[in-house]
Amino acid sequence: MQETESGTDTKHNFISEMTGTEDRGYLTFTLGDEEYGIDILTVQEIRGYDSVTSIANMPDFIKGVINLRGIIVPIVDMRIKFNLGDVTYHEMTVVIVLNIADRVVGMVVDGVSDVISLSSEQIKEAPEFGAVLDTKYIKGLGVVDQRMLILIDIENLMSSKEMALVEQLA
């Protein structure tokens, strides 16, 4: 998918890709009071939050790095990245380890819920909020029973210029 200045073409392309009958799997997780979903195919593993090694001059949302079986993995706190208020680490805090464009990245979330399948009918286009909220990393909104999931385009988010964690995807 190609990213544009407004990000809307990316979103429309994603929605048009979802027109088939094939369900897609999403790992759901919580950040504050909201529930999010990311493509399950990007998830390498889920692990409890452990201390990280801080690196000077990193943006606030990059907590540091961990050594994961010989691979140095940058850790991003999604609560800080999404400006979701106070950050507290507890026994339910987890790190979702992602493999995106052959790069391993970890993201800290409040907790992991489950893995669900969504059909194209269950995914709605995210509303436009103008300049108030940047929605270019939101694929859409998933509706499951009475729950609404914010579906994150994690590949585009992690490869964005502001994150600079993964080489820009073509």
N, C-alpha and C. Protein backbone atom coordinates (compact mmCIF):
# COMPACT_ATOMS: atom_id res chain seq x y z
N MET A 1 0.84 -1.18 0.00
CA MET A 1 0.00 0.00 0.00
C MET A 1 0.88 1.23 0.00
N GLN A 2 0.44 2.25 -0.67
CA GLN A 2 1.21 3.47 -0.72
C GLN A 2 0.62 4.49 0.23
N GLU A 3 1.50 5.23 0.88
CA GLU A 3 1.05 6.27 1.79
C GLU A 3 1.00 7.57 1.02
N THR A 4 -0.02 8.36 1.28
CA THR A 4 -0.14 9.66 0.65
C THR A 4 -0.08 10.72 1.73
N GLU A 5 -0.08 11.98 1.31
CA GLU A 5 -0.04 13.08 2.28
C GLU A 5 -1.17 12.96 3.28
N SER A 6 -2.37 12.70 2.84
CA SER A 6 -3.51 12.64 3.74
C SER A 6 -3.68 11.28 4.38
N GLY A 7 -3.10 10.25 3.80
CA GLY A 7 -3.25 8.91 4.34
C GLY A 7 -4.54 8.25 3.93
N THR A 8 -5.44 8.97 3.24
CA THR A 8 -6.74 8.39 2.92
C THR A 8 -6.64 7.32 1.85
N ASP A 9 -5.73 7.46 0.89
CA ASP A 9 -5.60 6.43 -0.14
C ASP A 9 -5.19 5.11 0.48
N THR A 10 -4.32 5.15 1.47
CA THR A 10 -3.89 3.93 2.15
C THR A 10 -5.09 3.25 2.78
N LYS A 11 -5.92 4.04 3.45
CA LYS A 11 -7.09 3.49 4.13
C LYS A 11 -8.07 2.92 3.11
N HIS A 12 -8.33 3.65 2.04
CA HIS A 12 -9.25 3.17 1.02
C HIS A 12 -8.72 1.90 0.37
N ASN A 13 -7.40 1.85 0.11
CA ASN A 13 -6.81 0.64 -0.47
C ASN A 13 -6.99 -0.54 0.45
N PHE A 14 -6.81 -0.32 1.75
CA PHE A 14 -6.98 -1.41 2.70
C PHE A 14 -8.42 -1.91 2.68
N ILE A 15 -9.37 -0.99 2.74
CA ILE A 15 -10.78 -1.38 2.74
C ILE A 15 -11.11 -2.12 1.45
N SER A 16 -10.59 -1.66 0.31
CA SER A 16 -10.88 -2.35 -0.95
C SER A 16 -10.21 -3.72 -0.99
N GLU A 17 -9.06 -3.89 -0.31
CA GLU A 17 -8.42 -5.20 -0.24
C GLU A 17 -9.26 -6.18 0.57
N MET A 18 -10.07 -5.65 1.45
CA MET A 18 -10.85 -6.50 2.36
C MET A 18 -12.19 -6.93 1.76
N THR A 19 -12.40 -6.74 0.46
CA THR A 19 -13.69 -7.05 -0.13
C THR A 19 -13.92 -8.54 -0.35
N GLY A 20 -12.88 -9.35 -0.21
CA GLY A 20 -13.04 -10.80 -0.38
C GLY A 20 -13.74 -11.41 0.82
N THR A 21 -14.00 -12.70 0.74
CA THR A 21 -14.67 -13.40 1.84
C THR A 21 -13.68 -13.91 2.87
N GLU A 22 -12.41 -13.76 2.61
CA GLU A 22 -11.38 -14.26 3.50
C GLU A 22 -11.33 -13.45 4.80
N ASP A 23 -11.36 -14.14 5.94
CA ASP A 23 -11.22 -13.47 7.23
C ASP A 23 -9.75 -13.20 7.49
N ARG A 24 -9.48 -12.17 8.27
CA ARG A 24 -8.12 -11.83 8.66
C ARG A 24 -8.01 -11.93 10.18
N GLY A 25 -6.85 -12.41 10.64
CA GLY A 25 -6.64 -12.56 12.06
C GLY A 25 -5.99 -11.32 12.66
N TYR A 26 -6.46 -10.93 13.85
CA TYR A 26 -5.93 -9.77 14.55
C TYR A 26 -5.66 -10.13 16.00
N LEU A 27 -4.51 -9.68 16.49
CA LEU A 27 -4.23 -9.77 17.91
C LEU A 27 -4.81 -8.52 18.54
N THR A 28 -5.67 -8.69 19.54
CA THR A 28 -6.27 -7.53 20.19
C THR A 28 -5.55 -7.25 21.50
N PHE A 29 -5.41 -5.97 21.80
CA PHE A 29 -4.74 -5.55 23.02
C PHE A 29 -5.37 -4.26 23.53
N THR A 30 -5.10 -3.94 24.78
CA THR A 30 -5.67 -2.74 25.37
C THR A 30 -4.60 -1.70 25.64
N LEU A 31 -5.00 -0.47 25.49
CA LEU A 31 -4.22 0.70 25.87
C LEU A 31 -5.23 1.62 26.56
N GLY A 32 -5.09 1.78 27.87
CA GLY A 32 -6.09 2.56 28.60
C GLY A 32 -7.44 1.87 28.52
N ASP A 33 -8.46 2.63 28.15
CA ASP A 33 -9.82 2.09 28.07
C ASP A 33 -10.18 1.57 26.68
N GLU A 34 -9.27 1.70 25.72
CA GLU A 34 -9.57 1.32 24.34
C GLU A 34 -8.96 -0.02 23.98
N GLU A 35 -9.59 -0.67 23.01
CA GLU A 35 -9.10 -1.95 22.52
C GLU A 35 -8.64 -1.77 21.08
N TYR A 36 -7.46 -2.31 20.79
CA TYR A 36 -6.84 -2.16 19.48
C TYR A 36 -6.59 -3.53 18.87
N GLY A 37 -6.34 -3.54 17.57
CA GLY A 37 -6.00 -4.78 16.89
C GLY A 37 -4.89 -4.55 15.88
N ILE A 38 -4.00 -5.56 15.77
CA ILE A 38 -2.95 -5.52 14.75
C ILE A 38 -2.96 -6.86 14.03
N ASP A 39 -2.49 -6.85 12.80
CA ASP A 39 -2.43 -8.06 11.98
C ASP A 39 -1.60 -9.12 12.72
N ILE A 40 -2.19 -10.27 12.94
CA ILE A 40 -1.53 -11.35 13.69
C ILE A 40 -0.26 -11.83 12.98
N LEU A 41 -0.18 -11.66 11.68
CA LEU A 41 0.99 -12.12 10.94
C LEU A 41 2.25 -11.32 11.25
N THR A 42 2.11 -10.14 11.86
CA THR A 42 3.27 -9.33 12.23
C THR A 42 3.81 -9.70 13.61
N VAL A 43 3.05 -10.50 14.38
CA VAL A 43 3.42 -10.82 15.76
C VAL A 43 4.37 -12.01 15.79
N GLN A 44 5.52 -11.81 16.45
CA GLN A 44 6.50 -12.87 16.61
C GLN A 44 6.28 -13.60 17.95
N GLU A 45 6.06 -12.83 19.01
CA GLU A 45 5.80 -13.42 20.32
C GLU A 45 5.26 -12.36 21.27
N ILE A 46 4.74 -12.83 22.40
CA ILE A 46 4.24 -11.96 23.45
C ILE A 46 4.98 -12.33 24.72
N ARG A 47 5.49 -11.32 25.43
CA ARG A 47 6.24 -11.59 26.65
C ARG A 47 5.90 -10.55 27.71
N GLY A 48 6.12 -10.90 28.95
CA GLY A 48 5.90 -9.95 30.03
C GLY A 48 6.86 -8.79 29.95
N TYR A 49 6.44 -7.65 30.48
CA TYR A 49 7.31 -6.47 30.46
C TYR A 49 8.43 -6.68 31.46
N ASP A 50 9.64 -6.41 31.00
CA ASP A 50 10.82 -6.52 31.83
C ASP A 50 11.60 -5.22 31.66
N SER A 51 12.58 -5.01 32.48
CA SER A 51 13.35 -3.77 32.38
C SER A 51 14.06 -3.69 31.04
N VAL A 52 14.24 -2.46 30.59
CA VAL A 52 14.91 -2.21 29.32
C VAL A 52 16.15 -1.37 29.57
N THR A 53 17.07 -1.41 28.65
CA THR A 53 18.27 -0.58 28.72
C THR A 53 17.98 0.72 27.99
N SER A 54 18.01 1.82 28.72
CA SER A 54 17.73 3.13 28.12
C SER A 54 18.90 3.58 27.26
N ILE A 55 18.58 4.33 26.22
CA ILE A 55 19.58 4.90 25.33
C ILE A 55 19.35 6.40 25.29
N ALA A 56 20.41 7.17 25.47
CA ALA A 56 20.30 8.63 25.51
C ALA A 56 19.77 9.19 24.19
N ASN A 57 19.09 10.31 24.31
CA ASN A 57 18.58 11.10 23.17
C ASN A 57 17.55 10.38 22.32
N MET A 58 16.86 9.40 22.86
CA MET A 58 15.78 8.74 22.15
C MET A 58 14.48 9.50 22.44
N PRO A 59 13.53 9.47 21.53
CA PRO A 59 12.22 10.06 21.83
C PRO A 59 11.62 9.38 23.06
N ASP A 60 10.73 10.08 23.78
CA ASP A 60 10.13 9.54 25.01
C ASP A 60 9.46 8.19 24.80
N PHE A 61 8.82 8.00 23.65
CA PHE A 61 8.05 6.76 23.43
C PHE A 61 8.95 5.55 23.20
N ILE A 62 10.23 5.75 22.92
CA ILE A 62 11.16 4.62 22.81
C ILE A 62 11.80 4.43 24.18
N LYS A 63 11.35 3.38 24.88
CA LYS A 63 11.79 3.13 26.25
C LYS A 63 13.23 2.68 26.33
N GLY A 64 13.74 2.06 25.29
CA GLY A 64 15.10 1.56 25.27
C GLY A 64 15.17 0.31 24.43
N VAL A 65 16.07 -0.60 24.80
CA VAL A 65 16.24 -1.84 24.04
C VAL A 65 16.34 -3.02 25.00
N ILE A 66 16.04 -4.20 24.47
CA ILE A 66 16.26 -5.44 25.20
C ILE A 66 17.08 -6.38 24.31
N ASN A 67 17.71 -7.35 24.95
CA ASN A 67 18.44 -8.38 24.22
C ASN A 67 17.54 -9.61 24.20
N LEU A 68 17.01 -9.91 23.02
CA LEU A 68 16.09 -11.04 22.86
C LEU A 68 16.82 -12.15 22.10
N ARG A 69 17.37 -13.08 22.84
CA ARG A 69 18.10 -14.20 22.26
C ARG A 69 19.15 -13.73 21.24
N GLY A 70 19.91 -12.71 21.63
CA GLY A 70 21.01 -12.23 20.79
C GLY A 70 20.62 -11.13 19.81
N ILE A 71 19.36 -10.76 19.75
CA ILE A 71 18.90 -9.70 18.86
C ILE A 71 18.57 -8.48 19.72
N ILE A 72 19.11 -7.32 19.38
CA ILE A 72 18.82 -6.08 20.10
C ILE A 72 17.50 -5.53 19.55
N VAL A 73 16.51 -5.42 20.44
CA VAL A 73 15.16 -5.05 20.04
C VAL A 73 14.76 -3.72 20.66
N PRO A 74 14.46 -2.69 19.84
CA PRO A 74 13.95 -1.43 20.39
C PRO A 74 12.54 -1.64 20.95
N ILE A 75 12.24 -0.99 22.07
CA ILE A 75 10.94 -1.14 22.73
C ILE A 75 10.21 0.21 22.70
N VAL A 76 9.01 0.21 22.12
CA VAL A 76 8.18 1.40 21.99
C VAL A 76 7.01 1.28 22.96
N ASP A 77 6.79 2.30 23.78
CA ASP A 77 5.63 2.32 24.67
C ASP A 77 4.49 3.01 23.91
N MET A 78 3.49 2.23 23.53
CA MET A 78 2.40 2.75 22.71
C MET A 78 1.53 3.75 23.47
N ARG A 79 1.46 3.66 24.80
CA ARG A 79 0.69 4.64 25.58
C ARG A 79 1.32 6.01 25.45
N ILE A 80 2.64 6.08 25.48
CA ILE A 80 3.32 7.36 25.32
C ILE A 80 3.19 7.84 23.88
N LYS A 81 3.37 6.93 22.92
CA LYS A 81 3.27 7.29 21.50
C LYS A 81 1.91 7.87 21.16
N PHE A 82 0.84 7.28 21.74
CA PHE A 82 -0.52 7.74 21.46
C PHE A 82 -1.03 8.78 22.46
N ASN A 83 -0.13 9.30 23.32
CA ASN A 83 -0.51 10.32 24.31
C ASN A 83 -1.72 9.91 25.15
N LEU A 84 -1.62 8.74 25.77
CA LEU A 84 -2.76 8.20 26.53
C LEU A 84 -2.64 8.41 28.04
N GLY A 85 -1.90 9.40 28.46
CA GLY A 85 -1.85 9.74 29.88
C GLY A 85 -0.79 8.99 30.65
N ASP A 86 -1.08 8.79 31.93
CA ASP A 86 -0.11 8.17 32.85
C ASP A 86 0.29 6.78 32.40
N VAL A 87 1.57 6.51 32.53
CA VAL A 87 2.10 5.19 32.17
C VAL A 87 2.49 4.48 33.46
N THR A 88 1.82 3.38 33.74
CA THR A 88 2.16 2.56 34.90
C THR A 88 2.40 1.14 34.43
N TYR A 89 3.47 0.55 34.92
CA TYR A 89 3.79 -0.82 34.56
C TYR A 89 3.33 -1.73 35.70
N HIS A 90 2.65 -2.82 35.35
CA HIS A 90 2.17 -3.77 36.35
C HIS A 90 2.26 -5.17 35.77
N GLU A 91 1.76 -6.14 36.51
CA GLU A 91 1.91 -7.54 36.09
C GLU A 91 1.19 -7.88 34.78
N MET A 92 0.22 -7.08 34.38
CA MET A 92 -0.50 -7.33 33.12
C MET A 92 0.15 -6.64 31.92
N THR A 93 1.10 -5.74 32.16
CA THR A 93 1.78 -5.04 31.07
C THR A 93 2.61 -6.04 30.28
N VAL A 94 2.48 -6.00 28.97
CA VAL A 94 3.20 -6.95 28.12
C VAL A 94 3.91 -6.23 26.98
N VAL A 95 4.85 -6.95 26.40
CA VAL A 95 5.54 -6.49 25.19
C VAL A 95 5.13 -7.43 24.06
N ILE A 96 4.59 -6.85 23.01
CA ILE A 96 4.29 -7.62 21.80
C ILE A 96 5.51 -7.45 20.89
N VAL A 97 6.17 -8.56 20.60
CA VAL A 97 7.35 -8.52 19.74
C VAL A 97 6.87 -8.72 18.30
N LEU A 98 7.21 -7.75 17.46
CA LEU A 98 6.77 -7.73 16.07
C LEU A 98 7.95 -8.00 15.14
N ASN A 99 7.66 -8.61 14.00
CA ASN A 99 8.65 -8.77 12.95
C ASN A 99 8.09 -8.05 11.73
N ILE A 100 8.67 -6.88 11.45
CA ILE A 100 8.18 -6.04 10.36
C ILE A 100 9.35 -5.74 9.43
N ALA A 101 9.19 -6.10 8.17
CA ALA A 101 10.23 -5.85 7.16
C ALA A 101 11.58 -6.38 7.64
N ASP A 102 11.58 -7.60 8.17
CA ASP A 102 12.79 -8.27 8.66
C ASP A 102 13.48 -7.52 9.80
N ARG A 103 12.73 -6.71 10.52
CA ARG A 103 13.25 -6.01 11.70
C ARG A 103 12.37 -6.38 12.89
N VAL A 104 12.99 -6.66 14.02
CA VAL A 104 12.25 -7.03 15.23
C VAL A 104 12.11 -5.78 16.10
N VAL A 105 10.86 -5.49 16.50
CA VAL A 105 10.53 -4.33 17.31
C VAL A 105 9.55 -4.79 18.38
N GLY A 106 9.69 -4.26 19.59
CA GLY A 106 8.74 -4.57 20.66
C GLY A 106 7.87 -3.38 20.97
N MET A 107 6.60 -3.65 21.30
CA MET A 107 5.72 -2.55 21.70
C MET A 107 5.05 -2.89 23.02
N VAL A 108 5.10 -1.94 23.95
CA VAL A 108 4.52 -2.12 25.28
C VAL A 108 3.05 -1.74 25.23
N VAL A 109 2.20 -2.63 25.72
CA VAL A 109 0.76 -2.38 25.80
C VAL A 109 0.28 -2.77 27.20
N ASP A 110 -0.93 -2.32 27.55
CA ASP A 110 -1.47 -2.60 28.88
C ASP A 110 -1.80 -4.07 29.08
N GLY A 111 -2.22 -4.74 28.02
CA GLY A 111 -2.55 -6.15 28.11
C GLY A 111 -3.00 -6.68 26.77
N VAL A 112 -2.88 -7.98 26.60
CA VAL A 112 -3.32 -8.64 25.37
C VAL A 112 -4.65 -9.31 25.66
N SER A 113 -5.62 -9.13 24.76
CA SER A 113 -6.94 -9.71 24.96
C SER A 113 -7.05 -11.08 24.34
N ASP A 114 -7.08 -11.15 23.01
CA ASP A 114 -7.21 -12.43 22.32
C ASP A 114 -6.88 -12.27 20.85
N VAL A 115 -7.03 -13.35 20.13
CA VAL A 115 -6.87 -13.33 18.67
C VAL A 115 -8.25 -13.54 18.08
N ILE A 116 -8.63 -12.66 17.16
CA ILE A 116 -9.95 -12.77 16.54
C ILE A 116 -9.81 -12.73 15.03
N SER A 117 -10.83 -13.25 14.36
CA SER A 117 -10.91 -13.16 12.90
C SER A 117 -11.99 -12.15 12.56
N LEU A 118 -11.69 -11.29 11.62
CA LEU A 118 -12.66 -10.30 11.16
C LEU A 118 -12.88 -10.46 9.67
N SER A 119 -14.13 -10.44 9.28
CA SER A 119 -14.47 -10.46 7.85
C SER A 119 -14.53 -9.02 7.36
N SER A 120 -14.58 -8.84 6.07
CA SER A 120 -14.63 -7.49 5.51
C SER A 120 -15.86 -6.73 5.97
N GLU A 121 -16.96 -7.45 6.24
CA GLU A 121 -18.19 -6.79 6.70
C GLU A 121 -18.05 -6.25 8.12
N GLN A 122 -17.11 -6.80 8.87
CA GLN A 122 -16.91 -6.36 10.25
C GLN A 122 -15.95 -5.20 10.37
N ILE A 123 -15.34 -4.78 9.27
CA ILE A 123 -14.36 -3.68 9.30
C ILE A 123 -14.98 -2.46 8.61
N LYS A 124 -15.05 -1.38 9.38
CA LYS A 124 -15.61 -0.13 8.88
C LYS A 124 -14.49 0.88 8.72
N GLU A 125 -14.66 1.78 7.78
CA GLU A 125 -13.67 2.82 7.56
C GLU A 125 -13.65 3.77 8.75
N ALA A 126 -12.45 4.16 9.17
CA ALA A 126 -12.31 5.11 10.28
C ALA A 126 -12.80 6.48 9.83
N PRO A 127 -13.53 7.18 10.69
CA PRO A 127 -14.00 8.51 10.31
C PRO A 127 -12.85 9.49 10.21
N GLU A 128 -13.03 10.53 9.41
CA GLU A 128 -12.03 11.58 9.28
C GLU A 128 -12.23 12.57 10.42
N PHE A 129 -11.12 12.98 11.04
CA PHE A 129 -11.19 13.94 12.14
C PHE A 129 -10.51 15.25 11.80
N GLY A 130 -10.14 15.44 10.56
CA GLY A 130 -9.46 16.66 10.15
C GLY A 130 -8.10 16.75 10.81
N ALA A 131 -7.71 17.96 11.19
CA ALA A 131 -6.39 18.18 11.77
C ALA A 131 -6.33 17.80 13.25
N VAL A 132 -7.47 17.53 13.86
CA VAL A 132 -7.49 17.23 15.30
C VAL A 132 -6.78 15.92 15.62
N LEU A 133 -6.97 14.89 14.79
CA LEU A 133 -6.39 13.58 15.06
C LEU A 133 -5.85 13.00 13.77
N ASP A 134 -4.63 12.51 13.82
CA ASP A 134 -4.01 11.89 12.66
C ASP A 134 -4.45 10.44 12.57
N THR A 135 -5.21 10.10 11.54
CA THR A 135 -5.74 8.74 11.41
C THR A 135 -5.02 7.93 10.33
N LYS A 136 -3.85 8.39 9.87
CA LYS A 136 -3.19 7.69 8.77
C LYS A 136 -2.68 6.31 9.16
N TYR A 137 -2.58 6.02 10.46
CA TYR A 137 -2.13 4.69 10.90
C TYR A 137 -3.29 3.83 11.38
N ILE A 138 -4.49 4.28 11.15
CA ILE A 138 -5.67 3.49 11.51
C ILE A 138 -6.21 2.85 10.24
N LYS A 139 -6.23 1.49 10.21
CA LYS A 139 -6.75 0.78 9.04
C LYS A 139 -8.26 0.89 8.98
N GLY A 140 -8.90 0.86 10.12
CA GLY A 140 -10.35 0.91 10.17
C GLY A 140 -10.80 0.57 11.58
N LEU A 141 -12.11 0.39 11.72
CA LEU A 141 -12.68 0.02 13.00
C LEU A 141 -13.33 -1.36 12.86
N GLY A 142 -12.93 -2.27 13.71
CA GLY A 142 -13.49 -3.62 13.68
C GLY A 142 -14.65 -3.72 14.67
N VAL A 143 -15.75 -4.32 14.23
CA VAL A 143 -16.91 -4.47 15.09
C VAL A 143 -17.11 -5.95 15.37
N VAL A 144 -17.05 -6.30 16.67
CA VAL A 144 -17.23 -7.68 17.11
C VAL A 144 -18.24 -7.66 18.25
N ASP A 145 -19.41 -8.23 18.04
CA ASP A 145 -20.49 -8.19 19.03
C ASP A 145 -20.72 -6.73 19.42
N GLN A 146 -20.56 -6.40 20.69
CA GLN A 146 -20.75 -5.02 21.14
C GLN A 146 -19.43 -4.27 21.29
N ARG A 147 -18.32 -4.88 20.85
CA ARG A 147 -16.99 -4.28 20.97
C ARG A 147 -16.61 -3.56 19.69
N MET A 148 -15.85 -2.48 19.86
CA MET A 148 -15.28 -1.79 18.71
C MET A 148 -13.77 -1.78 18.89
N LEU A 149 -13.06 -2.25 17.87
CA LEU A 149 -11.60 -2.32 17.90
C LEU A 149 -11.02 -1.28 16.94
N ILE A 150 -9.98 -0.61 17.39
CA ILE A 150 -9.26 0.31 16.52
C ILE A 150 -8.15 -0.51 15.86
N LEU A 151 -8.24 -0.70 14.55
CA LEU A 151 -7.28 -1.53 13.83
C LEU A 151 -6.11 -0.66 13.36
N ILE A 152 -4.93 -0.96 13.89
CA ILE A 152 -3.73 -0.18 13.63
C ILE A 152 -2.96 -0.77 12.45
N ASP A 153 -2.53 0.08 11.55
CA ASP A 153 -1.63 -0.34 10.47
C ASP A 153 -0.22 -0.30 11.04
N ILE A 154 0.14 -1.34 11.76
CA ILE A 154 1.37 -1.36 12.54
C ILE A 154 2.61 -1.30 11.65
N GLU A 155 2.55 -1.86 10.46
CA GLU A 155 3.70 -1.80 9.56
C GLU A 155 3.99 -0.36 9.15
N ASN A 156 2.96 0.39 8.77
CA ASN A 156 3.17 1.79 8.38
C ASN A 156 3.57 2.64 9.58
N LEU A 157 3.01 2.36 10.75
CA LEU A 157 3.37 3.12 11.94
C LEU A 157 4.84 2.92 12.30
N MET A 158 5.27 1.67 12.36
CA MET A 158 6.65 1.39 12.75
C MET A 158 7.67 1.80 11.69
N SER A 159 7.24 1.93 10.43
CA SER A 159 8.17 2.35 9.38
C SER A 159 8.04 3.83 9.06
N SER A 160 7.24 4.56 9.83
CA SER A 160 7.07 6.00 9.57
C SER A 160 8.34 6.76 9.92
N LYS A 161 8.49 7.92 9.35
CA LYS A 161 9.68 8.74 9.60
C LYS A 161 9.81 9.10 11.07
N GLU A 162 8.69 9.39 11.74
CA GLU A 162 8.75 9.79 13.15
C GLU A 162 9.21 8.66 14.06
N MET A 163 8.94 7.41 13.68
CA MET A 163 9.37 6.28 14.48
C MET A 163 10.81 5.88 14.13
N ALA A 164 11.13 5.86 12.85
CA ALA A 164 12.48 5.55 12.36
C ALA A 164 13.01 4.23 12.92
N LEU A 165 12.12 3.23 13.08
CA LEU A 165 12.53 1.94 13.63
C LEU A 165 12.74 0.89 12.57
N VAL A 166 12.02 1.02 11.48
CA VAL A 166 12.08 0.05 10.40
C VAL A 166 12.26 0.84 9.13
N GLU A 167 13.03 0.29 8.19
CA GLU A 167 13.19 1.00 6.92
C GLU A 167 11.85 1.24 6.28
N GLN A 168 11.71 2.38 5.64
CA GLN A 168 10.47 2.74 4.99
C GLN A 168 10.05 1.65 4.02
N LEU A 169 8.79 1.24 4.12
CA LEU A 169 8.26 0.22 3.22
C LEU A 169 7.95 0.85 1.87
N ALA A 170 8.18 0.10 0.81
CA ALA A 170 7.94 0.62 -0.54
C ALA A 170 6.47 0.72 -0.82
